[in-house]
C-alpha atoms as a PDB file:
ATOM      1  CA  MET A   1     130.444  89.299 133.126  1.00  0.00           C
ATOM      2  CA  SER A   2     129.650  92.117 130.244  1.00  0.00           C
ATOM      3  CA  GLN A   3     128.170  95.084 131.135  1.00  0.00           C
ATOM      4  CA  ALA A   4     124.864  95.718 129.776  1.00  0.00           C
ATOM      5  CA  GLY A   5     124.576  98.942 127.787  1.00  0.00           C
ATOM      6  CA  PRO A   6     123.669 100.584 124.181  1.00  0.00           C
ATOM      7  CA  SER A   7     125.515  98.701 121.608  1.00  0.00           C
ATOM      8  CA  SER A   8     127.866 100.579 119.052  1.00  0.00           C
ATOM      9  CA  PRO A   9     126.387 100.293 115.720  1.00  0.00           C
ATOM     10  CA  ARG A  10     127.976  97.773 113.192  1.00  0.00           C
ATOM     11  CA  PRO A  11     130.538  99.565 110.487  1.00  0.00           C
ATOM     12  CA  TYR A  12     128.837 100.441 107.085  1.00  0.00           C
ATOM     13  CA  THR A  13     130.137  97.864 104.308  1.00  0.00           C
ATOM     14  CA  PRO A  14     128.815  98.811 100.911  1.00  0.00           C
ATOM     15  CA  ARG A  15     127.510  96.086  99.201  1.00  0.00           C
ATOM     16  CA  PRO A  16     126.919  96.032  95.376  1.00  0.00           C
ATOM     17  CA  ASP A  17     123.303  95.952  94.208  1.00  0.00           C
ATOM     18  CA  GLN A  18     122.169  92.636  93.326  1.00  0.00           C
ATOM     19  CA  ILE A  19     119.047  91.511  91.563  1.00  0.00           C
ATOM     20  CA  SER A  20     117.541  88.327  90.978  1.00  0.00           C
ATOM     21  CA  THR A  21     115.061  87.408  88.236  1.00  0.00           C
ATOM     22  CA  ASP A  22     114.448  83.879  89.234  1.00  0.00           C
ATOM     23  CA  SER A  23     110.542  84.824  90.611  1.00  0.00           C
ATOM     24  CA  ALA A  24     109.893  87.062  87.116  1.00  0.00           C
ATOM     25  CA  ASP A  25     111.057  84.190  85.485  1.00  0.00           C
ATOM     26  CA  TYR A  26     108.752  81.638  87.035  1.00  0.00           C
ATOM     27  CA  LEU A  27     105.955  84.011  87.102  1.00  0.00           C
ATOM     28  CA  ARG A  28     106.816  84.373  83.177  1.00  0.00           C
ATOM     29  CA  GLY A  29     106.699  81.014  82.427  1.00  0.00           C
ATOM     30  CA  ALA A  30     103.332  80.015  84.714  1.00  0.00           C
ATOM     31  CA  LEU A  31     101.886  82.861  82.628  1.00  0.00           C
ATOM     32  CA  GLN A  32     102.860  81.609  79.482  1.00  0.00           C
ATOM     33  CA  ARG A  33     101.293  77.834  80.433  1.00  0.00           C
ATOM     34  CA  GLN A  34      98.090  79.682  80.873  1.00  0.00           C
ATOM     35  CA  PRO A  35      95.512  79.812  77.823  1.00  0.00           C
ATOM     36  CA  ALA A  36      94.887  83.310  76.677  1.00  0.00           C
ATOM     37  CA  VAL A  37      91.015  82.540  76.623  1.00  0.00           C
ATOM     38  CA  ARG A  38      89.481  80.647  79.612  1.00  0.00           C
ATOM     39  CA  PRO A  39      86.117  79.589  78.170  1.00  0.00           C
ATOM     40  CA  GLU A  40      85.021  78.541  81.822  1.00  0.00           C
ATOM     41  CA  VAL A  41      85.688  82.468  82.441  1.00  0.00           C
ATOM     42  CA  VAL A  42      83.831  83.653  79.661  1.00  0.00           C
ATOM     43  CA  GLU A  43      80.845  81.496  80.540  1.00  0.00           C
ATOM     44  CA  ARG A  44      80.937  83.268  83.966  1.00  0.00           C
ATOM     45  CA  ALA A  45      81.149  86.671  82.562  1.00  0.00           C
ATOM     46  CA  ARG A  46      78.020  86.155  80.143  1.00  0.00           C
ATOM     47  CA  ALA A  47      76.076  84.653  82.890  1.00  0.00           C
ATOM     48  CA  MET A  48      76.860  87.830  85.393  1.00  0.00           C
ATOM     49  CA  VAL A  49      75.908  90.019  82.504  1.00  0.00           C
ATOM     50  CA  ALA A  50      72.744  88.464  81.363  1.00  0.00           C
ATOM     51  CA  ASP A  51      71.555  88.815  85.155  1.00  0.00           C
ATOM     52  CA  PRO A  52      69.766  91.970  85.581  1.00  0.00           C
ATOM     53  CA  ASN A  53      70.031  91.472  89.308  1.00  0.00           C
ATOM     54  CA  TYR A  54      73.899  91.439  89.229  1.00  0.00           C
ATOM     55  CA  PRO A  55      75.179  93.228  90.936  1.00  0.00           C
ATOM     56  CA  SER A  56      72.984  93.096  93.510  1.00  0.00           C
ATOM     57  CA  PRO A  57      71.914  96.188  95.701  1.00  0.00           C
ATOM     58  CA  GLU A  58      73.841  95.049  98.590  1.00  0.00           C
ATOM     59  CA  ILE A  59      77.120  95.273  96.855  1.00  0.00           C
ATOM     60  CA  ILE A  60      76.113  98.711  94.959  1.00  0.00           C
ATOM     61  CA  LYS A  61      75.846 100.014  98.363  1.00  0.00           C
ATOM     62  CA  ARG A  62      79.274  98.493 100.076  1.00  0.00           C
ATOM     63  CA  VAL A  63      80.984 100.034  96.857  1.00  0.00           C
ATOM     64  CA  ALA A  64      79.205 103.013  96.995  1.00  0.00           C
ATOM     65  CA  GLU A  65      79.921 103.560 100.780  1.00  0.00           C
ATOM     66  CA  GLN A  66      83.726 102.677 100.097  1.00  0.00           C
ATOM     67  CA  ILE A  67      84.039 105.125  97.618  1.00  0.00           C
ATOM     68  CA  VAL A  68      82.303 108.002  99.872  1.00  0.00           C
ATOM     69  CA  ALA A  69      84.541 106.821 102.602  1.00  0.00           C
ATOM     70  CA  SER A  70      87.640 106.972 100.682  1.00  0.00           C
ATOM     71  CA  PRO A  71      90.179 109.917 100.768  1.00  0.00           C
ATOM     72  CA  ASP A  72      89.841 112.379  97.846  1.00  0.00           C
ATOM     73  CA  LEU A  73      93.231 111.870  96.386  1.00  0.00           C
ATOM     74  CA  SER A  74      93.306 115.847  94.881  1.00  0.00           C
ATOM     75  CA  GLU A  75      93.796 117.304  98.212  1.00  0.00           C
ATOM     76  CA  VAL A  76      96.567 115.038  99.607  1.00  0.00           C
ATOM     77  CA  ASP A  77      99.770 117.095  99.927  1.00  0.00           C
ATOM     78  CA  SER A  78     102.464 115.813  97.730  1.00  0.00           C
END
């Protein structure tokens, strides 16, 4: 029967740093497959700009509340 108690730390065995660019390559490929301009997004933006009620007062209020509630980063200790 083994005795319960603190386990001994595993010995440190340094390993060489490794980096994989597989994810970056996948993301780069996905980005290259996207069109430079997406007409449906441009049209949606035009509609928003033309709407005098956008953004709504509720959205403006929520954004303002978040700004007021956020910390002043100029006062944060480094």
